[in-house]
Amino acid sequence: MEVSQRTAAALAAVAVLTVALVATARAADEPNAQAQIDHGKATYAEKCSHCHGPGMMNSGTITPDLRAFPDDRTRFVTTVKNGKNNKMPPWGDILSEDEITDLWAYVSSRRRP
């Protein structure tokens, strides 16, 4: 009986530690996610807003409303890197991988439901 109690106590301790580690990891990721959004916002303002508009939509142009961009990171990255239909220039040689990742974080954060 004593072995079972020790086993139960050990399992409970492992469970508590696991929950604590997951909570710590999530807390550590949140500031990083906000930092990515903030960096993406700055990059967007500098590199993208002149065509896509300061609010991610620019009526009167051919650019899409980026607030309605699908939840498709791969498509976003490909479009940013390679351009689109000879209307959007490629940015793959101008923006770093981190800048593109931060842009995606910003655009994703502003997506309309």
PDB file of N, CA and C in Angstrom:
ATOM      1  N   MET A   1       0.817  -1.189   0.000  1.00  0.00           N
ATOM      2  CA  MET A   1       0.000   0.000   0.000  1.00  0.00           C
ATOM      3  C   MET A   1       0.870   1.266   0.000  1.00  0.00           C
ATOM      4  N   GLU A   2       1.990   1.226   0.711  1.00  0.00           N
ATOM      5  CA  GLU A   2       2.863   2.381   0.785  1.00  0.00           C
ATOM      6  C   GLU A   2       3.464   2.719  -0.576  1.00  0.00           C
ATOM      7  N   VAL A   3       3.781   1.727  -1.373  1.00  0.00           N
ATOM      8  CA  VAL A   3       4.320   1.966  -2.714  1.00  0.00           C
ATOM      9  C   VAL A   3       3.293   2.697  -3.567  1.00  0.00           C
ATOM     10  N   SER A   4       2.055   2.328  -3.488  1.00  0.00           N
ATOM     11  CA  SER A   4       1.002   2.975  -4.260  1.00  0.00           C
ATOM     12  C   SER A   4       0.856   4.435  -3.876  1.00  0.00           C
ATOM     13  N   GLN A   5       0.971   4.731  -2.593  1.00  0.00           N
ATOM     14  CA  GLN A   5       0.866   6.121  -2.144  1.00  0.00           C
ATOM     15  C   GLN A   5       2.060   6.932  -2.636  1.00  0.00           C
ATOM     16  N   ARG A   6       3.225   6.331  -2.607  1.00  0.00           N
ATOM     17  CA  ARG A   6       4.415   7.022  -3.127  1.00  0.00           C
ATOM     18  C   ARG A   6       4.290   7.255  -4.626  1.00  0.00           C
ATOM     19  N   THR A   7       3.806   6.259  -5.324  1.00  0.00           N
ATOM     20  CA  THR A   7       3.617   6.395  -6.766  1.00  0.00           C
ATOM     21  C   THR A   7       2.603   7.497  -7.064  1.00  0.00           C
ATOM     22  N   ALA A   8       1.495   7.482  -6.315  1.00  0.00           N
ATOM     23  CA  ALA A   8       0.471   8.516  -6.507  1.00  0.00           C
ATOM     24  C   ALA A   8       1.038   9.895  -6.201  1.00  0.00           C
ATOM     25  N   ALA A   9       1.831  10.008  -5.155  1.00  0.00           N
ATOM     26  CA  ALA A   9       2.434  11.295  -4.796  1.00  0.00           C
ATOM     27  C   ALA A   9       3.406  11.756  -5.870  1.00  0.00           C
ATOM     28  N   ALA A  10       4.183  10.819  -6.409  1.00  0.00           N
ATOM     29  CA  ALA A  10       5.133  11.166  -7.473  1.00  0.00           C
ATOM     30  C   ALA A  10       4.401  11.614  -8.727  1.00  0.00           C
ATOM     31  N   LEU A  11       3.349  10.907  -9.079  1.00  0.00           N
ATOM     32  CA  LEU A  11       2.564  11.295 -10.256  1.00  0.00           C
ATOM     33  C   LEU A  11       1.917  12.657 -10.062  1.00  0.00           C
ATOM     34  N   ALA A  12       1.418  12.929  -8.870  1.00  0.00           N
ATOM     35  CA  ALA A  12       0.816  14.230  -8.576  1.00  0.00           C
ATOM     36  C   ALA A  12       1.863  15.335  -8.695  1.00  0.00           C
ATOM     37  N   ALA A  13       3.062  15.075  -8.203  1.00  0.00           N
ATOM     38  CA  ALA A  13       4.131  16.069  -8.290  1.00  0.00           C
ATOM     39  C   ALA A  13       4.514  16.331  -9.741  1.00  0.00           C
ATOM     40  N   VAL A  14       4.592  15.276 -10.527  1.00  0.00           N
ATOM     41  CA  VAL A  14       4.894  15.434 -11.954  1.00  0.00           C
ATOM     42  C   VAL A  14       3.804  16.245 -12.638  1.00  0.00           C
ATOM     43  N   ALA A  15       2.559  15.973 -12.312  1.00  0.00           N
ATOM     44  CA  ALA A  15       1.438  16.714 -12.911  1.00  0.00           C
ATOM     45  C   ALA A  15       1.513  18.194 -12.558  1.00  0.00           C
ATOM     46  N   VAL A  16       1.785  18.493 -11.302  1.00  0.00           N
ATOM     47  CA  VAL A  16       1.891  19.890 -10.865  1.00  0.00           C
ATOM     48  C   VAL A  16       3.044  20.583 -11.582  1.00  0.00           C
ATOM     49  N   LEU A  17       4.177  19.927 -11.675  1.00  0.00           N
ATOM     50  CA  LEU A  17       5.326  20.512 -12.369  1.00  0.00           C
ATOM     51  C   LEU A  17       5.038  20.727 -13.855  1.00  0.00           C
ATOM     52  N   THR A  18       4.347  19.789 -14.470  1.00  0.00           N
ATOM     53  CA  THR A  18       3.996  19.922 -15.885  1.00  0.00           C
ATOM     54  C   THR A  18       3.100  21.130 -16.116  1.00  0.00           C
ATOM     55  N   VAL A  19       2.087  21.273 -15.279  1.00  0.00           N
ATOM     56  CA  VAL A  19       1.186  22.425 -15.390  1.00  0.00           C
ATOM     57  C   VAL A  19       1.967  23.723 -15.192  1.00  0.00           C
ATOM     58  N   ALA A  20       2.859  23.751 -14.226  1.00  0.00           N
ATOM     59  CA  ALA A  20       3.649  24.948 -13.971  1.00  0.00           C
ATOM     60  C   ALA A  20       4.554  25.276 -15.153  1.00  0.00           C
ATOM     61  N   LEU A  21       5.172  24.261 -15.746  1.00  0.00           N
ATOM     62  CA  LEU A  21       6.042  24.489 -16.906  1.00  0.00           C
ATOM     63  C   LEU A  21       5.250  24.999 -18.102  1.00  0.00           C
ATOM     64  N   VAL A  22       4.090  24.449 -18.354  1.00  0.00           N
ATOM     65  CA  VAL A  22       3.254  24.897 -19.467  1.00  0.00           C
ATOM     66  C   VAL A  22       2.833  26.350 -19.243  1.00  0.00           C
ATOM     67  N   ALA A  23       2.420  26.682 -18.040  1.00  0.00           N
ATOM     68  CA  ALA A  23       2.016  28.059 -17.731  1.00  0.00           C
ATOM     69  C   ALA A  23       3.188  29.022 -17.910  1.00  0.00           C
ATOM     70  N   THR A  24       4.372  28.611 -17.481  1.00  0.00           N
ATOM     71  CA  THR A  24       5.555  29.451 -17.637  1.00  0.00           C
ATOM     72  C   THR A  24       5.895  29.646 -19.107  1.00  0.00           C
ATOM     73  N   ALA A  25       5.803  28.593 -19.888  1.00  0.00           N
ATOM     74  CA  ALA A  25       6.087  28.692 -21.330  1.00  0.00           C
ATOM     75  C   ALA A  25       5.101  29.627 -22.006  1.00  0.00           C
ATOM     76  N   ARG A  26       3.828  29.512 -21.661  1.00  0.00           N
ATOM     77  CA  ARG A  26       2.821  30.397 -22.258  1.00  0.00           C
ATOM     78  C   ARG A  26       3.082  31.843 -21.884  1.00  0.00           C
ATOM     79  N   ALA A  27       3.402  32.085 -20.628  1.00  0.00           N
ATOM     80  CA  ALA A  27       3.680  33.449 -20.175  1.00  0.00           C
ATOM     81  C   ALA A  27       4.905  34.013 -20.890  1.00  0.00           C
ATOM     82  N   ALA A  28       5.896  33.169 -21.122  1.00  0.00           N
ATOM     83  CA  ALA A  28       7.099  33.614 -21.820  1.00  0.00           C
ATOM     84  C   ALA A  28       6.802  33.921 -23.282  1.00  0.00           C
ATOM     85  N   ASP A  29       5.890  33.186 -23.910  1.00  0.00           N
ATOM     86  CA  ASP A  29       5.553  33.405 -25.311  1.00  0.00           C
ATOM     87  C   ASP A  29       4.729  34.658 -25.527  1.00  0.00           C
ATOM     88  N   GLU A  30       3.873  35.031 -24.582  1.00  0.00           N
ATOM     89  CA  GLU A  30       2.992  36.181 -24.773  1.00  0.00           C
ATOM     90  C   GLU A  30       3.761  37.471 -25.011  1.00  0.00           C
ATOM     91  N   PRO A  31       4.773  37.824 -24.198  1.00  0.00           N
ATOM     92  CA  PRO A  31       5.522  39.042 -24.496  1.00  0.00           C
ATOM     93  C   PRO A  31       6.220  38.959 -25.845  1.00  0.00           C
ATOM     94  N   ASN A  32       6.715  37.768 -26.200  1.00  0.00           N
ATOM     95  CA  ASN A  32       7.367  37.589 -27.487  1.00  0.00           C
ATOM     96  C   ASN A  32       6.370  37.810 -28.621  1.00  0.00           C
ATOM     97  N   ALA A  33       5.166  37.272 -28.487  1.00  0.00           N
ATOM     98  CA  ALA A  33       4.139  37.453 -29.517  1.00  0.00           C
ATOM     99  C   ALA A  33       3.803  38.922 -29.654  1.00  0.00           C
ATOM    100  N   GLN A  34       3.671  39.638 -28.548  1.00  0.00           N
ATOM    101  CA  GLN A  34       3.366  41.065 -28.623  1.00  0.00           C
ATOM    102  C   GLN A  34       4.516  41.826 -29.258  1.00  0.00           C
ATOM    103  N   ALA A  35       5.741  41.431 -28.954  1.00  0.00           N
ATOM    104  CA  ALA A  35       6.906  42.080 -29.553  1.00  0.00           C
ATOM    105  C   ALA A  35       6.906  41.859 -31.067  1.00  0.00           C
ATOM    106  N   GLN A  36       6.558  40.641 -31.498  1.00  0.00           N
ATOM    107  CA  GLN A  36       6.479  40.372 -32.944  1.00  0.00           C
ATOM    108  C   GLN A  36       5.412  41.244 -33.599  1.00  0.00           C
ATOM    109  N   ILE A  37       4.252  41.350 -32.961  1.00  0.00           N
ATOM    110  CA  ILE A  37       3.171  42.189 -33.499  1.00  0.00           C
ATOM    111  C   ILE A  37       3.647  43.636 -33.594  1.00  0.00           C
ATOM    112  N   ASP A  38       4.293  44.127 -32.555  1.00  0.00           N
ATOM    113  CA  ASP A  38       4.782  45.510 -32.555  1.00  0.00           C
ATOM    114  C   ASP A  38       5.817  45.741 -33.655  1.00  0.00           C
ATOM    115  N   HIS A  39       6.747  44.797 -33.813  1.00  0.00           N
ATOM    116  CA  HIS A  39       7.741  44.924 -34.885  1.00  0.00           C
ATOM    117  C   HIS A  39       7.070  44.849 -36.252  1.00  0.00           C
ATOM    118  N   GLY A  40       6.108  43.937 -36.382  1.00  0.00           N
ATOM    119  CA  GLY A  40       5.377  43.815 -37.645  1.00  0.00           C
ATOM    120  C   GLY A  40       4.614  45.072 -37.979  1.00  0.00           C
ATOM    121  N   LYS A  41       4.039  45.692 -36.981  1.00  0.00           N
ATOM    122  CA  LYS A  41       3.296  46.948 -37.186  1.00  0.00           C
ATOM    123  C   LYS A  41       4.231  48.036 -37.704  1.00  0.00           C
ATOM    124  N   ALA A  42       5.420  48.123 -37.122  1.00  0.00           N
ATOM    125  CA  ALA A  42       6.396  49.124 -37.558  1.00  0.00           C
ATOM    126  C   ALA A  42       6.864  48.848 -38.985  1.00  0.00           C
ATOM    127  N   THR A  43       7.138  47.587 -39.289  1.00  0.00           N
ATOM    128  CA  THR A  43       7.554  47.224 -40.645  1.00  0.00           C
ATOM    129  C   THR A  43       6.434  47.510 -41.636  1.00  0.00           C
ATOM    130  N   TYR A  44       5.201  47.161 -41.258  1.00  0.00           N
ATOM    131  CA  TYR A  44       4.041  47.427 -42.111  1.00  0.00           C
ATOM    132  C   TYR A  44       3.926  48.924 -42.401  1.00  0.00           C
ATOM    133  N   ALA A  45       4.039  49.753 -41.370  1.00  0.00           N
ATOM    134  CA  ALA A  45       3.915  51.203 -41.548  1.00  0.00           C
ATOM    135  C   ALA A  45       4.977  51.732 -42.506  1.00  0.00           C
ATOM    136  N   GLU A  46       6.176  51.177 -42.407  1.00  0.00           N
ATOM    137  CA  GLU A  46       7.280  51.653 -43.239  1.00  0.00           C
ATOM    138  C   GLU A  46       7.247  51.099 -44.664  1.00  0.00           C
ATOM    139  N   LYS A  47       6.918  49.819 -44.803  1.00  0.00           N
ATOM    140  CA  LYS A  47       7.079  49.164 -46.104  1.00  0.00           C
ATOM    141  C   LYS A  47       5.778  48.871 -46.850  1.00  0.00           C
ATOM    142  N   CYS A  48       4.664  48.747 -46.134  1.00  0.00           N
ATOM    143  CA  CYS A  48       3.445  48.227 -46.763  1.00  0.00           C
ATOM    144  C   CYS A  48       2.288  49.214 -46.835  1.00  0.00           C
ATOM    145  N   SER A  49       2.241  50.138 -45.882  1.00  0.00           N
ATOM    146  CA  SER A  49       1.053  50.988 -45.753  1.00  0.00           C
ATOM    147  C   SER A  49       0.848  51.921 -46.937  1.00  0.00           C
ATOM    148  N   HIS A  50       1.898  52.247 -47.666  1.00  0.00           N
ATOM    149  CA  HIS A  50       1.723  53.155 -48.797  1.00  0.00           C
ATOM    150  C   HIS A  50       0.849  52.537 -49.892  1.00  0.00           C
ATOM    151  N   CYS A  51       0.806  51.220 -49.990  1.00  0.00           N
ATOM    152  CA  CYS A  51      -0.087  50.548 -50.951  1.00  0.00           C
ATOM    153  C   CYS A  51      -1.310  49.947 -50.276  1.00  0.00           C
ATOM    154  N   HIS A  52      -1.094  49.314 -49.130  1.00  0.00           N
ATOM    155  CA  HIS A  52      -2.186  48.586 -48.475  1.00  0.00           C
ATOM    156  C   HIS A  52      -2.989  49.450 -47.506  1.00  0.00           C
ATOM    157  N   GLY A  53      -2.547  50.684 -47.282  1.00  0.00           N
ATOM    158  CA  GLY A  53      -3.272  51.593 -46.406  1.00  0.00           C
ATOM    159  C   GLY A  53      -2.863  51.455 -44.958  1.00  0.00           C
ATOM    160  N   PRO A  54      -2.996  52.545 -44.191  1.00  0.00           N
ATOM    161  CA  PRO A  54      -2.574  52.510 -42.795  1.00  0.00           C
ATOM    162  C   PRO A  54      -3.415  51.576 -41.933  1.00  0.00           C
ATOM    163  N   GLY A  55      -4.644  51.304 -42.314  1.00  0.00           N
ATOM    164  CA  GLY A  55      -5.505  50.400 -41.554  1.00  0.00           C
ATOM    165  C   GLY A  55      -5.628  49.037 -42.196  1.00  0.00           C
ATOM    166  N   MET A  56      -4.677  48.682 -43.047  1.00  0.00           N
ATOM    167  CA  MET A  56      -4.633  47.405 -43.772  1.00  0.00           C
ATOM    168  C   MET A  56      -5.706  47.291 -44.848  1.00  0.00           C
ATOM    169  N   MET A  57      -6.295  48.417 -45.216  1.00  0.00           N
ATOM    170  CA  MET A  57      -7.192  48.452 -46.364  1.00  0.00           C
ATOM    171  C   MET A  57      -7.027  49.812 -47.019  1.00  0.00           C
ATOM    172  N   ASN A  58      -7.078  49.824 -48.319  1.00  0.00           N
ATOM    173  CA  ASN A  58      -6.862  51.056 -49.060  1.00  0.00           C
ATOM    174  C   ASN A  58      -7.890  51.113 -50.180  1.00  0.00           C
ATOM    175  N   SER A  59      -9.022  51.699 -49.887  1.00  0.00           N
ATOM    176  CA  SER A  59     -10.058  51.775 -50.920  1.00  0.00           C
ATOM    177  C   SER A  59      -9.551  52.628 -52.077  1.00  0.00           C
ATOM    178  N   GLY A  60      -9.960  52.265 -53.247  1.00  0.00           N
ATOM    179  CA  GLY A  60      -9.538  52.999 -54.430  1.00  0.00           C
ATOM    180  C   GLY A  60      -8.312  52.416 -55.100  1.00  0.00           C
ATOM    181  N   THR A  61      -7.773  51.340 -54.541  1.00  0.00           N
ATOM    182  CA  THR A  61      -6.625  50.686 -55.173  1.00  0.00           C
ATOM    183  C   THR A  61      -6.967  49.218 -55.396  1.00  0.00           C
ATOM    184  N   ILE A  62      -6.059  48.542 -56.031  1.00  0.00           N
ATOM    185  CA  ILE A  62      -6.278  47.117 -56.311  1.00  0.00           C
ATOM    186  C   ILE A  62      -5.836  46.230 -55.161  1.00  0.00           C
ATOM    187  N   THR A  63      -5.272  46.828 -54.114  1.00  0.00           N
ATOM    188  CA  THR A  63      -4.772  46.015 -53.002  1.00  0.00           C
ATOM    189  C   THR A  63      -5.936  45.463 -52.181  1.00  0.00           C
ATOM    190  N   PRO A  64      -5.789  44.219 -51.723  1.00  0.00           N
ATOM    191  CA  PRO A  64      -6.875  43.622 -50.934  1.00  0.00           C
ATOM    192  C   PRO A  64      -6.894  44.160 -49.506  1.00  0.00           C
ATOM    193  N   ASP A  65      -8.027  44.004 -48.874  1.00  0.00           N
ATOM    194  CA  ASP A  65      -8.185  44.318 -47.456  1.00  0.00           C
ATOM    195  C   ASP A  65      -7.452  43.222 -46.680  1.00  0.00           C
ATOM    196  N   LEU A  66      -6.307  43.557 -46.120  1.00  0.00           N
ATOM    197  CA  LEU A  66      -5.506  42.543 -45.437  1.00  0.00           C
ATOM    198  C   LEU A  66      -6.145  42.046 -44.149  1.00  0.00           C
ATOM    199  N   ARG A  67      -7.141  42.758 -43.634  1.00  0.00           N
ATOM    200  CA  ARG A  67      -7.850  42.280 -42.453  1.00  0.00           C
ATOM    201  C   ARG A  67      -8.663  41.036 -42.789  1.00  0.00           C
ATOM    202  N   ALA A  68      -8.915  40.829 -44.080  1.00  0.00           N
ATOM    203  CA  ALA A  68      -9.678  39.663 -44.531  1.00  0.00           C
ATOM    204  C   ALA A  68      -8.769  38.583 -45.113  1.00  0.00           C
ATOM    205  N   PHE A  69      -7.449  38.748 -44.977  1.00  0.00           N
ATOM    206  CA  PHE A  69      -6.522  37.750 -45.520  1.00  0.00           C
ATOM    207  C   PHE A  69      -6.767  36.423 -44.808  1.00  0.00           C
ATOM    208  N   PRO A  70      -6.819  35.334 -45.567  1.00  0.00           N
ATOM    209  CA  PRO A  70      -7.078  34.027 -44.941  1.00  0.00           C
ATOM    210  C   PRO A  70      -6.008  33.651 -43.925  1.00  0.00           C
ATOM    211  N   ASP A  71      -6.357  32.773 -43.029  1.00  0.00           N
ATOM    212  CA  ASP A  71      -5.422  32.276 -42.022  1.00  0.00           C
ATOM    213  C   ASP A  71      -4.510  31.256 -42.691  1.00  0.00           C
ATOM    214  N   ASP A  72      -3.622  31.765 -43.537  1.00  0.00           N
ATOM    215  CA  ASP A  72      -2.757  30.916 -44.358  1.00  0.00           C
ATOM    216  C   ASP A  72      -1.368  31.538 -44.381  1.00  0.00           C
ATOM    217  N   ARG A  73      -0.567  31.194 -43.391  1.00  0.00           N
ATOM    218  CA  ARG A  73       0.765  31.781 -43.264  1.00  0.00           C
ATOM    219  C   ARG A  73       1.627  31.494 -44.489  1.00  0.00           C
ATOM    220  N   THR A  74       1.556  30.283 -45.003  1.00  0.00           N
ATOM    221  CA  THR A  74       2.373  29.912 -46.158  1.00  0.00           C
ATOM    222  C   THR A  74       2.051  30.805 -47.355  1.00  0.00           C
ATOM    223  N   ARG A  75       0.779  31.006 -47.615  1.00  0.00           N
ATOM    224  CA  ARG A  75       0.366  31.873 -48.734  1.00  0.00           C
ATOM    225  C   ARG A  75       0.864  33.296 -48.519  1.00  0.00           C
ATOM    226  N   PHE A  76       0.737  33.792 -47.291  1.00  0.00           N
ATOM    227  CA  PHE A  76       1.189  35.146 -46.974  1.00  0.00           C
ATOM    228  C   PHE A  76       2.690  35.286 -47.240  1.00  0.00           C
ATOM    229  N   VAL A  77       3.469  34.377 -46.697  1.00  0.00           N
ATOM    230  CA  VAL A  77       4.927  34.447 -46.844  1.00  0.00           C
ATOM    231  C   VAL A  77       5.319  34.354 -48.317  1.00  0.00           C
ATOM    232  N   THR A  78       4.697  33.450 -49.039  1.00  0.00           N
ATOM    233  CA  THR A  78       4.999  33.302 -50.469  1.00  0.00           C
ATOM    234  C   THR A  78       4.682  34.579 -51.228  1.00  0.00           C
ATOM    235  N   THR A  79       3.533  35.173 -50.932  1.00  0.00           N
ATOM    236  CA  THR A  79       3.138  36.408 -51.612  1.00  0.00           C
ATOM    237  C   THR A  79       4.098  37.541 -51.282  1.00  0.00           C
ATOM    238  N   VAL A  80       4.463  37.687 -50.027  1.00  0.00           N
ATOM    239  CA  VAL A  80       5.386  38.752 -49.641  1.00  0.00           C
ATOM    240  C   VAL A  80       6.738  38.539 -50.307  1.00  0.00           C
ATOM    241  N   LYS A  81       7.235  37.325 -50.276  1.00  0.00           N
ATOM    242  CA  LYS A  81       8.557  37.064 -50.851  1.00  0.00           C
ATOM    243  C   LYS A  81       8.581  37.202 -52.364  1.00  0.00           C
ATOM    244  N   ASN A  82       7.549  36.665 -53.037  1.00  0.00           N
ATOM    245  CA  ASN A  82       7.581  36.580 -54.500  1.00  0.00           C
ATOM    246  C   ASN A  82       6.751  37.628 -55.220  1.00  0.00           C
ATOM    247  N   GLY A  83       5.938  38.372 -54.492  1.00  0.00           N
ATOM    248  CA  GLY A  83       5.055  39.334 -55.137  1.00  0.00           C
ATOM    249  C   GLY A  83       3.803  38.636 -55.647  1.00  0.00           C
ATOM    250  N   LYS A  84       2.959  39.410 -56.329  1.00  0.00           N
ATOM    251  CA  LYS A  84       1.686  38.850 -56.787  1.00  0.00           C
ATOM    252  C   LYS A  84       1.277  39.473 -58.117  1.00  0.00           C
ATOM    253  N   ASN A  85       1.115  38.643 -59.117  1.00  0.00           N
ATOM    254  CA  ASN A  85       0.547  39.032 -60.420  1.00  0.00           C
ATOM    255  C   ASN A  85       1.171  40.290 -61.021  1.00  0.00           C
ATOM    256  N   ASN A  86       2.429  40.499 -60.835  1.00  0.00           N
ATOM    257  CA  ASN A  86       3.125  41.687 -61.325  1.00  0.00           C
ATOM    258  C   ASN A  86       2.513  42.989 -60.823  1.00  0.00           C
ATOM    259  N   LYS A  87       1.690  42.910 -59.785  1.00  0.00           N
ATOM    260  CA  LYS A  87       1.091  44.111 -59.200  1.00  0.00           C
ATOM    261  C   LYS A  87       1.719  44.419 -57.842  1.00  0.00           C
ATOM    262  N   MET A  88       2.018  43.380 -57.089  1.00  0.00           N
ATOM    263  CA  MET A  88       2.746  43.556 -55.831  1.00  0.00           C
ATOM    264  C   MET A  88       4.179  43.118 -56.075  1.00  0.00           C
ATOM    265  N   PRO A  89       5.128  44.003 -55.786  1.00  0.00           N
ATOM    266  CA  PRO A  89       6.527  43.618 -56.020  1.00  0.00           C
ATOM    267  C   PRO A  89       6.989  42.578 -54.994  1.00  0.00           C
ATOM    268  N   PRO A  90       8.002  41.797 -55.355  1.00  0.00           N
ATOM    269  CA  PRO A  90       8.560  40.843 -54.397  1.00  0.00           C
ATOM    270  C   PRO A  90       9.380  41.576 -53.336  1.00  0.00           C
ATOM    271  N   TRP A  91       9.265  41.108 -52.107  1.00  0.00           N
ATOM    272  CA  TRP A  91       9.982  41.698 -50.989  1.00  0.00           C
ATOM    273  C   TRP A  91      10.993  40.730 -50.382  1.00  0.00           C
ATOM    274  N   GLY A  92      11.158  39.563 -50.996  1.00  0.00           N
ATOM    275  CA  GLY A  92      12.045  38.540 -50.444  1.00  0.00           C
ATOM    276  C   GLY A  92      13.486  38.962 -50.315  1.00  0.00           C
ATOM    277  N   ASP A  93      13.954  39.872 -51.181  1.00  0.00           N
ATOM    278  CA  ASP A  93      15.332  40.355 -51.100  1.00  0.00           C
ATOM    279  C   ASP A  93      15.455  41.604 -50.239  1.00  0.00           C
ATOM    280  N   ILE A  94      14.317  42.129 -49.777  1.00  0.00           N
ATOM    281  CA  ILE A  94      14.325  43.373 -49.013  1.00  0.00           C
ATOM    282  C   ILE A  94      14.053  43.109 -47.528  1.00  0.00           C
ATOM    283  N   LEU A  95      13.075  42.247 -47.267  1.00  0.00           N
ATOM    284  CA  LEU A  95      12.690  41.943 -45.891  1.00  0.00           C
ATOM    285  C   LEU A  95      13.370  40.669 -45.406  1.00  0.00           C
ATOM    286  N   SER A  96      13.785  40.665 -44.163  1.00  0.00           N
ATOM    287  CA  SER A  96      14.385  39.462 -43.577  1.00  0.00           C
ATOM    288  C   SER A  96      13.275  38.471 -43.218  1.00  0.00           C
ATOM    289  N   GLU A  97      13.684  37.248 -42.928  1.00  0.00           N
ATOM    290  CA  GLU A  97      12.720  36.228 -42.477  1.00  0.00           C
ATOM    291  C   GLU A  97      11.996  36.699 -41.218  1.00  0.00           C
ATOM    292  N   ASP A  98      12.748  37.298 -40.299  1.00  0.00           N
ATOM    293  CA  ASP A  98      12.142  37.791 -39.057  1.00  0.00           C
ATOM    294  C   ASP A  98      11.133  38.898 -39.337  1.00  0.00           C
ATOM    295  N   GLU A  99      11.449  39.786 -40.243  1.00  0.00           N
ATOM    296  CA  GLU A  99      10.512  40.866 -40.578  1.00  0.00           C
ATOM    297  C   GLU A  99       9.227  40.307 -41.183  1.00  0.00           C
ATOM    298  N   ILE A 100       9.360  39.303 -42.038  1.00  0.00           N
ATOM    299  CA  ILE A 100       8.174  38.686 -42.644  1.00  0.00           C
ATOM    300  C   ILE A 100       7.354  37.958 -41.581  1.00  0.00           C
ATOM    301  N   THR A 101       8.036  37.264 -40.673  1.00  0.00           N
ATOM    302  CA  THR A 101       7.338  36.596 -39.568  1.00  0.00           C
ATOM    303  C   THR A 101       6.601  37.610 -38.708  1.00  0.00           C
ATOM    304  N   ASP A 102       7.240  38.735 -38.426  1.00  0.00           N
ATOM    305  CA  ASP A 102       6.610  39.780 -37.622  1.00  0.00           C
ATOM    306  C   ASP A 102       5.433  40.412 -38.366  1.00  0.00           C
ATOM    307  N   LEU A 103       5.568  40.592 -39.670  1.00  0.00           N
ATOM    308  CA  LEU A 103       4.445  41.097 -40.467  1.00  0.00           C
ATOM    309  C   LEU A 103       3.252  40.161 -40.378  1.00  0.00           C
ATOM    310  N   TRP A 104       3.517  38.863 -40.479  1.00  0.00           N
ATOM    311  CA  TRP A 104       2.433  37.883 -40.362  1.00  0.00           C
ATOM    312  C   TRP A 104       1.778  37.965 -38.986  1.00  0.00           C
ATOM    313  N   ALA A 105       2.581  38.127 -37.941  1.00  0.00           N
ATOM    314  CA  ALA A 105       2.019  38.259 -36.592  1.00  0.00           C
ATOM    315  C   ALA A 105       1.104  39.477 -36.521  1.00  0.00           C
ATOM    316  N   TYR A 106       1.520  40.581 -37.123  1.00  0.00           N
ATOM    317  CA  TYR A 106       0.706  41.803 -37.112  1.00  0.00           C
ATOM    318  C   TYR A 106      -0.574  41.626 -37.923  1.00  0.00           C
ATOM    319  N   VAL A 107      -0.445  41.143 -39.150  1.00  0.00           N
ATOM    320  CA  VAL A 107      -1.628  40.954 -40.003  1.00  0.00           C
ATOM    321  C   VAL A 107      -2.585  39.973 -39.357  1.00  0.00           C
ATOM    322  N   SER A 108      -2.070  38.889 -38.809  1.00  0.00           N
ATOM    323  CA  SER A 108      -2.920  37.896 -38.140  1.00  0.00           C
ATOM    324  C   SER A 108      -3.652  38.493 -36.940  1.00  0.00           C
ATOM    325  N   SER A 109      -2.991  39.382 -36.233  1.00  0.00           N
ATOM    326  CA  SER A 109      -3.591  39.978 -35.039  1.00  0.00           C
ATOM    327  C   SER A 109      -4.734  40.925 -35.385  1.00  0.00           C
ATOM    328  N   ARG A 110      -4.769  41.395 -36.613  1.00  0.00           N
ATOM    329  CA  ARG A 110      -5.777  42.363 -37.029  1.00  0.00           C
ATOM    330  C   ARG A 110      -6.887  41.742 -37.865  1.00  0.00           C
ATOM    331  N   ARG A 111      -6.839  40.414 -38.009  1.00  0.00           N
ATOM    332  CA  ARG A 111      -7.824  39.731 -38.866  1.00  0.00           C
ATOM    333  C   ARG A 111      -9.234  39.949 -38.329  1.00  0.00           C
ATOM    334  N   ARG A 112     -10.125  40.250 -39.259  1.00  0.00           N
ATOM    335  CA  ARG A 112     -11.540  40.412 -38.898  1.00  0.00           C
ATOM    336  C   ARG A 112     -12.180  39.046 -38.811  1.00  0.00           C
ATOM    337  N   PRO A 113     -13.097  38.881 -37.849  1.00  0.00           N
ATOM    338  CA  PRO A 113     -13.787  37.587 -37.737  1.00  0.00           C
ATOM    339  C   PRO A 113     -14.737  37.355 -38.903  1.00  0.00           C
TER     340      PRO A 113
END
